[in-house]
């Protein structure tokens, strides 16, 4: 892809330096992408609270009823001090579940709706939720885990079943196979391994049976779900000019024949991207989300999620990211038009 537009030095933000002497600011060119919208702020003010989003819409793009409103799509977002929010694509709050210390959230379509899960640092496991296609999000079970502190979380579909991946703060990973009985979901452990150090962001590629995990001060790894536990390949390393610690959110987006891996580079408030083709990961560039139309830019970014294809006003896809400094208000999530992000990567 063509070389990215280099940000000016004044626009480069200092971040947290990783262990091993990695730079506090990336040396790689970084393009600017305007924010397209934002959610309401979470209720927990003056704290590191908003953390991770997840996006859902019907496969055919038709609106659906949620909390008494017809909406084209919804965004789940955690307040890791208080619980789980559901926002509309306009950013307004549709629902709040006061379930406590929920860190990361993800979901997969199931029937007319979806099953969602969140890492739960209060009850020590995975909180499960269900949306039936109309109504509201409802609790739907719990997976108790033996990890020291539930932290990262992602869902997938593998070998015909839903799976839940719990990443502990110390890098321990548990993979659970989900099943439902009497309207309640639970999980049976299928696999366990250790990343090696503090890890959080993860995403499952259902098409290839691949798990991607961000090891915060080390880099991004690819784990084949069918391989022996712990088998992995490095995608990128902290300190290589593209990722600045901490590595945080990890997500995938598909655009036609192309598939992109997007990773939060928290230390310099940016996102690095790779195109994926089988086992090959090709670096595509970096972007930073800037202020536009009354919405402030993104700093200290944490969680990230993406929706492939049309959703509401976003004809090619939507990316939602956490914003650490919400222009003086409590933290929230920013919406980014994927068309704008891809265009910036291709400059």
Protein backbone atom coordinates (compact mmCIF):
# COMPACT_ATOMS: atom_id res chain seq x y z
CA UNK A 1 0.00 0.00 0.00
CA UNK A 2 1.08 3.55 -0.63
CA UNK A 3 3.09 5.38 1.98
CA UNK A 4 1.08 7.01 4.77
CA UNK A 5 0.97 10.74 5.38
CA UNK A 6 3.52 11.53 8.05
CA UNK A 7 2.13 13.29 11.10
CA UNK A 8 3.96 16.38 12.28
CA UNK A 9 6.12 16.05 15.35
CA UNK A 10 3.78 18.34 17.24
CA UNK A 11 0.90 15.96 16.68
CA UNK A 12 2.83 12.93 17.93
CA UNK A 13 1.82 12.09 21.48
CA UNK A 14 4.22 10.72 24.07
CA UNK A 15 3.06 7.45 25.57
CA UNK A 16 4.06 4.74 27.99
CA UNK A 17 7.41 3.25 27.10
CA UNK A 18 7.51 -0.53 27.03
CA UNK A 19 10.00 -2.65 28.86
CA UNK A 20 13.15 -3.30 26.92
CA UNK A 21 13.71 0.31 25.88
CA UNK A 22 11.10 0.65 23.14
CA UNK A 23 10.34 4.19 21.95
CA UNK A 24 7.60 6.26 23.60
CA UNK A 25 6.53 7.59 20.20
CA UNK A 26 6.21 5.50 17.05
CA UNK A 27 8.71 6.06 14.26
CA UNK A 28 6.24 4.86 11.62
CA UNK A 29 4.22 7.28 9.48
CA UNK A 30 0.71 7.81 10.87
CA UNK A 31 -2.31 9.12 8.98
CA UNK A 32 -5.20 11.13 10.40
CA UNK A 33 -8.81 9.92 10.37
CA UNK A 34 -11.68 12.12 11.61
CA UNK A 35 -14.01 10.86 14.33
CA UNK A 36 -17.52 10.35 12.96
CA UNK A 37 -19.42 10.26 16.26
CA UNK A 38 -19.26 9.35 19.92
CA UNK A 39 -21.28 7.65 22.62
CA UNK A 40 -22.57 9.18 25.80
CA UNK A 41 -19.99 9.16 28.58
CA UNK A 42 -20.03 6.35 31.10
CA UNK A 43 -21.31 7.26 34.55
CA UNK A 44 -18.03 6.64 36.36
CA UNK A 45 -16.25 9.99 36.30
CA UNK A 46 -12.64 10.89 37.11
CA UNK A 47 -11.45 7.31 36.66
CA UNK A 48 -10.09 4.85 34.13
CA UNK A 49 -13.52 3.36 33.46
CA UNK A 50 -14.69 2.92 29.84
CA UNK A 51 -12.79 0.01 28.39
CA UNK A 52 -14.06 -2.15 25.52
CA UNK A 53 -16.82 -2.07 22.85
CA UNK A 54 -18.67 -4.65 20.75
CA UNK A 55 -20.95 -3.95 17.75
CA UNK A 56 -24.00 -5.80 16.41
CA UNK A 57 -26.60 -5.46 13.66
CA UNK A 58 -28.84 -7.82 11.72
CA UNK A 59 -27.11 -9.57 8.85
CA UNK A 60 -29.62 -8.16 6.36
CA UNK A 61 -29.20 -4.60 7.70
CA UNK A 62 -32.85 -4.14 8.67
CA UNK A 63 -33.70 -2.20 11.84
CA UNK A 64 -34.78 -4.09 14.95
CA UNK A 65 -36.53 -3.15 18.21
CA UNK A 66 -34.29 -2.52 21.21
CA UNK A 67 -35.60 -1.02 24.46
CA UNK A 68 -38.68 0.31 22.67
CA UNK A 69 -36.81 1.92 19.77
CA UNK A 70 -36.17 0.82 16.19
CA UNK A 71 -32.40 0.88 15.67
CA UNK A 72 -30.09 -0.14 12.79
CA UNK A 73 -27.40 -1.36 15.15
CA UNK A 74 -26.13 -1.24 18.72
CA UNK A 75 -22.81 -0.88 20.54
CA UNK A 76 -22.05 -2.63 23.81
CA UNK A 77 -19.49 -0.87 26.00
CA UNK A 78 -18.05 -1.71 29.39
CA UNK A 79 -17.61 0.59 32.35
CA UNK A 80 -15.14 -1.58 34.22
CA UNK A 81 -16.07 0.08 37.51
CA UNK A 82 -19.83 -0.37 37.15
CA UNK A 83 -21.27 -2.59 34.40
CA UNK A 84 -22.32 -2.84 30.77
CA UNK A 85 -23.88 -0.19 28.49
CA UNK A 86 -25.82 -0.58 25.27
CA UNK A 87 -25.64 2.47 22.97
CA UNK A 88 -27.39 3.26 19.71
CA UNK A 89 -25.36 4.26 16.66
CA UNK A 90 -26.35 7.84 17.49
CA UNK A 91 -24.38 7.42 20.71
CA UNK A 92 -27.35 7.63 23.06
CA UNK A 93 -27.66 5.15 25.92
CA UNK A 94 -30.32 2.48 25.35
CA UNK A 95 -29.65 0.27 28.37
CA UNK A 96 -27.33 -0.12 31.35
CA UNK A 97 -26.78 -3.33 33.30
CA UNK A 98 -25.16 -2.57 36.70
CA UNK A 99 -23.17 -5.79 36.79
CA UNK A 100 -20.01 -4.47 38.37
CA UNK A 101 -16.42 -5.00 37.29
CA UNK A 102 -16.80 -5.98 33.62
CA UNK A 103 -13.60 -5.41 31.64
CA UNK A 104 -13.79 -6.64 28.02
CA UNK A 105 -16.90 -7.58 26.01
CA UNK A 106 -17.55 -9.45 22.77
CA UNK A 107 -20.44 -11.20 21.02
CA UNK A 108 -21.48 -13.56 18.25
CA UNK A 109 -24.76 -13.75 16.35
CA UNK A 110 -27.02 -16.61 17.43
CA UNK A 111 -30.50 -17.15 16.01
CA UNK A 112 -32.23 -13.81 15.48
CA UNK A 113 -29.99 -12.07 18.00
CA UNK A 114 -26.66 -12.70 19.71
CA UNK A 115 -24.86 -14.13 22.70
CA UNK A 116 -22.42 -11.79 24.45
CA UNK A 117 -19.87 -12.28 27.18
CA UNK A 118 -17.71 -10.06 29.37
CA UNK A 119 -14.69 -10.72 31.58
CA UNK A 120 -15.90 -10.22 35.16
CA UNK A 121 -13.27 -9.22 37.72
CA UNK A 122 -15.83 -9.13 40.54
CA UNK A 123 -17.33 -12.61 40.24
CA UNK A 124 -14.11 -14.04 38.73
CA UNK A 125 -15.15 -15.45 35.40
CA UNK A 126 -17.22 -14.67 32.32
CA UNK A 127 -20.67 -13.03 32.52
CA UNK A 128 -22.93 -14.16 29.66
CA UNK A 129 -25.82 -12.24 28.06
CA UNK A 130 -28.47 -12.88 25.42
CA UNK A 131 -30.36 -10.68 22.98
CA UNK A 132 -33.19 -12.51 21.23
CA UNK A 133 -33.60 -10.04 18.35
CA UNK A 134 -36.08 -7.76 20.09
CA UNK A 135 -36.44 -6.35 23.58
CA UNK A 136 -33.25 -5.78 25.55
CA UNK A 137 -30.02 -7.43 26.61
CA UNK A 138 -30.52 -9.93 29.45
CA UNK A 139 -28.16 -11.94 31.69
CA UNK A 140 -27.93 -15.53 30.44
CA UNK A 141 -25.43 -17.43 32.58
CA UNK A 142 -21.93 -17.37 34.03
CA UNK A 143 -18.65 -19.26 33.62
CA UNK A 144 -16.58 -19.49 36.80
CA UNK A 145 -12.86 -19.45 36.07
CA UNK A 146 -9.71 -20.29 38.00
CA UNK A 147 -7.60 -17.42 36.61
CA UNK A 148 -6.13 -14.88 38.98
CA UNK A 149 -7.84 -11.84 37.41
CA UNK A 150 -10.18 -12.00 34.40
CA UNK A 151 -9.07 -9.28 31.98
CA UNK A 152 -9.27 -9.69 28.20
CA UNK A 153 -12.15 -11.46 26.47
CA UNK A 154 -13.29 -12.42 22.99
CA UNK A 155 -15.76 -14.81 21.39
CA UNK A 156 -15.71 -16.93 18.28
CA UNK A 157 -17.24 -19.85 16.45
CA UNK A 158 -15.05 -22.91 16.08
CA UNK A 159 -15.88 -26.49 15.04
CA UNK A 160 -19.56 -25.56 14.87
CA UNK A 161 -19.77 -24.21 18.43
CA UNK A 162 -19.55 -20.85 20.14
CA UNK A 163 -16.34 -20.37 22.11
CA UNK A 164 -15.35 -17.86 24.76
CA UNK A 165 -11.70 -16.88 25.27
CA UNK A 166 -10.75 -15.44 28.66
CA UNK A 167 -7.34 -13.76 28.95
CA UNK A 168 -6.12 -13.22 32.50
CA UNK A 169 -4.10 -10.17 33.43
CA UNK A 170 -1.01 -12.35 33.96
CA UNK A 171 -1.33 -13.83 30.46
CA UNK A 172 -3.08 -17.09 31.35
CA UNK A 173 -5.67 -18.04 28.71
CA UNK A 174 -8.76 -20.24 28.99
CA UNK A 175 -10.85 -21.32 26.00
CA UNK A 176 -14.42 -22.42 26.81
CA UNK A 177 -16.92 -24.20 24.56
CA UNK A 178 -20.37 -22.69 25.12
CA UNK A 179 -23.65 -24.56 25.35
CA UNK A 180 -27.21 -23.64 26.31
CA UNK A 181 -29.82 -25.46 28.38
CA UNK A 182 -33.12 -24.03 29.53
CA UNK A 183 -32.25 -20.54 28.34
CA UNK A 184 -28.99 -20.40 30.35
CA UNK A 185 -25.54 -20.52 28.78
CA UNK A 186 -22.46 -22.04 30.31
CA UNK A 187 -18.97 -23.06 29.24
CA UNK A 188 -16.73 -26.11 29.37
CA UNK A 189 -12.98 -25.58 29.30
CA UNK A 190 -11.38 -26.91 26.11
CA UNK A 191 -7.90 -25.48 26.22
CA UNK A 192 -5.49 -23.51 28.39
CA UNK A 193 -2.10 -21.92 27.84
CA UNK A 194 -0.02 -18.91 28.90
CA UNK A 195 0.98 -15.95 26.73
CA UNK A 196 3.88 -15.07 29.03
CA UNK A 197 3.14 -11.67 30.53
CA UNK A 198 0.32 -9.14 30.95
CA UNK A 199 -2.12 -9.52 28.05
CA UNK A 200 -5.63 -8.30 27.27
CA UNK A 201 -6.93 -7.63 23.75
CA UNK A 202 -7.91 -10.63 21.65
CA UNK A 203 -10.02 -11.54 18.62
CA UNK A 204 -11.03 -14.83 16.99
CA UNK A 205 -11.03 -15.20 13.20
CA UNK A 206 -13.90 -17.66 12.74
CA UNK A 207 -13.01 -18.28 9.09
CA UNK A 208 -9.49 -19.54 9.76
CA UNK A 209 -9.79 -20.85 13.33
CA UNK A 210 -7.20 -18.34 14.51
CA UNK A 211 -6.86 -16.43 17.77
CA UNK A 212 -4.96 -13.13 17.92
CA UNK A 213 -3.77 -11.85 21.34
CA UNK A 214 -2.02 -8.63 22.34
CA UNK A 215 0.75 -9.06 24.91
CA UNK A 216 0.88 -5.53 26.24
CA UNK A 217 4.60 -4.78 26.39
CA UNK A 218 5.72 -7.42 23.87
CA UNK A 219 3.55 -7.48 20.74
CA UNK A 220 0.77 -9.31 18.89
CA UNK A 221 0.61 -13.10 18.49
CA UNK A 222 -1.37 -15.48 16.28
CA UNK A 223 -2.52 -18.80 17.84
CA UNK A 224 -4.08 -21.52 15.63
CA UNK A 225 -7.00 -22.95 17.63
CA UNK A 226 -6.42 -26.44 16.22
CA UNK A 227 -2.70 -26.52 17.00
CA UNK A 228 -1.03 -27.66 20.20
CA UNK A 229 -1.60 -25.33 23.13
CA UNK A 230 0.80 -22.39 23.05
CA UNK A 231 1.79 -22.77 19.37
CA UNK A 232 2.08 -19.23 18.05
CA UNK A 233 3.53 -16.82 15.49
CA UNK A 234 4.53 -13.21 16.11
CA UNK A 235 2.65 -10.66 14.00
CA UNK A 236 4.41 -7.54 15.31
CA UNK A 237 6.63 -6.53 18.21
CA UNK A 238 6.46 -3.54 20.51
CA UNK A 239 9.34 -1.23 19.65
CA UNK A 240 9.43 -2.04 15.93
CA UNK A 241 8.18 1.47 15.11
CA UNK A 242 4.56 0.42 14.63
CA UNK A 243 3.37 -0.50 18.15
CA UNK A 244 3.99 1.52 21.30
CA UNK A 245 3.19 -0.12 24.64
CA UNK A 246 0.72 -0.88 25.78
CA UNK A 247 -0.76 -3.07 23.06
CA UNK A 248 -4.45 -3.02 23.92
CA UNK A 249 -7.55 -3.72 21.78
CA UNK A 250 -7.40 -6.16 18.85
CA UNK A 251 -10.10 -6.58 16.19
CA UNK A 252 -10.78 -7.73 12.62
CA UNK A 253 -12.72 -6.15 9.77
CA UNK A 254 -13.52 -7.61 6.35
CA UNK A 255 -13.88 -5.38 3.30
CA UNK A 256 -14.68 -7.28 0.13
CA UNK A 257 -11.87 -9.77 -0.45
CA UNK A 258 -9.63 -8.01 2.07
CA UNK A 259 -9.33 -8.70 5.79
CA UNK A 260 -7.63 -6.31 8.22
CA UNK A 261 -6.28 -6.81 11.73
CA UNK A 262 -6.47 -3.56 13.75
CA UNK A 263 -4.47 -3.14 16.97
CA UNK A 264 -4.51 -0.35 19.55
CA UNK A 265 -1.10 1.26 20.09
CA UNK A 266 -1.99 2.90 23.38
CA UNK A 267 1.38 4.49 24.08
CA UNK A 268 1.02 6.97 21.22
CA UNK A 269 -2.79 6.94 20.84
CA UNK A 270 -2.81 5.27 17.44
CA UNK A 271 -3.93 2.13 15.63
CA UNK A 272 -1.74 -0.16 13.52
CA UNK A 273 -3.26 -2.36 10.80
CA UNK A 274 -2.25 -5.49 8.89
CA UNK A 275 -3.90 -7.21 5.93
CA UNK A 276 -4.39 -10.94 6.45
CA UNK A 277 -4.23 -13.57 3.72
CA UNK A 278 -4.04 -17.13 5.05
CA UNK A 279 -1.01 -17.26 7.32
CA UNK A 280 0.45 -14.04 5.87
CA UNK A 281 0.11 -10.74 7.73
CA UNK A 282 1.23 -7.70 5.73
CA UNK A 283 1.67 -4.37 7.47
CA UNK A 284 -0.85 -1.86 6.08
CA UNK A 285 -0.10 1.28 8.09
CA UNK A 286 -1.14 3.34 11.10
CA UNK A 287 -3.85 5.89 11.83
CA UNK A 288 -4.76 8.30 14.59
CA UNK A 289 -8.37 9.43 15.25
CA UNK A 290 -8.64 13.23 15.27
CA UNK A 291 -11.32 15.72 16.32
CA UNK A 292 -14.07 16.55 13.83
CA UNK A 293 -17.53 18.16 13.86
CA UNK A 294 -17.60 18.76 17.59
CA UNK A 295 -16.24 15.31 18.53
CA UNK A 296 -12.83 15.26 20.20
CA UNK A 297 -10.02 13.00 19.07
CA UNK A 298 -8.96 9.71 20.61
CA UNK A 299 -6.17 9.50 23.18
CA UNK A 300 -4.80 6.68 25.33
CA UNK A 301 -6.94 4.26 23.36
CA UNK A 302 -7.88 0.92 24.91
CA UNK A 303 -10.54 -1.40 23.45
CA UNK A 304 -11.51 -1.48 19.76
CA UNK A 305 -14.14 -3.36 17.74
CA UNK A 306 -15.18 -3.32 14.09
CA UNK A 307 -18.27 -4.24 12.07
CA UNK A 308 -17.76 -5.55 8.55
CA UNK A 309 -20.18 -4.19 5.95
CA UNK A 310 -23.07 -1.74 6.06
CA UNK A 311 -24.46 -0.72 9.46
CA UNK A 312 -26.70 2.32 9.76
CA UNK A 313 -25.08 5.31 8.03
CA UNK A 314 -21.74 3.50 7.65
CA UNK A 315 -21.96 1.89 4.22
CA UNK A 316 -18.65 0.01 4.30
CA UNK A 317 -18.26 -0.69 8.00
CA UNK A 318 -17.80 0.85 11.43
CA UNK A 319 -14.92 0.95 13.92
CA UNK A 320 -15.59 1.84 17.58
CA UNK A 321 -12.74 2.70 19.96
CA UNK A 322 -12.38 3.66 23.59
CA UNK A 323 -11.27 7.23 24.35
CA UNK A 324 -9.28 7.81 27.52
CA UNK A 325 -9.60 11.63 27.61
CA UNK A 326 -13.10 12.67 26.56
CA UNK A 327 -12.49 16.41 26.40
CA UNK A 328 -12.87 16.85 30.17
CA UNK A 329 -15.90 14.58 30.62
CA UNK A 330 -16.02 10.96 31.80
CA UNK A 331 -14.60 8.46 29.31
CA UNK A 332 -16.58 7.23 26.30
CA UNK A 333 -16.31 5.52 22.92
CA UNK A 334 -15.68 7.11 19.53
CA UNK A 335 -17.19 5.97 16.21
CA UNK A 336 -15.05 5.92 13.06
CA UNK A 337 -16.24 5.38 9.48
CA UNK A 338 -14.28 2.43 8.10
CA UNK A 339 -14.33 4.01 4.62
CA UNK A 340 -12.35 6.96 5.99
CA UNK A 341 -9.94 4.71 7.86
CA UNK A 342 -9.23 2.52 4.83
CA UNK A 343 -8.77 5.56 2.60
CA UNK A 344 -6.21 6.92 5.07
CA UNK A 345 -4.34 3.60 5.07
CA UNK A 346 -4.15 3.68 1.28
CA UNK A 347 -2.75 7.18 0.89
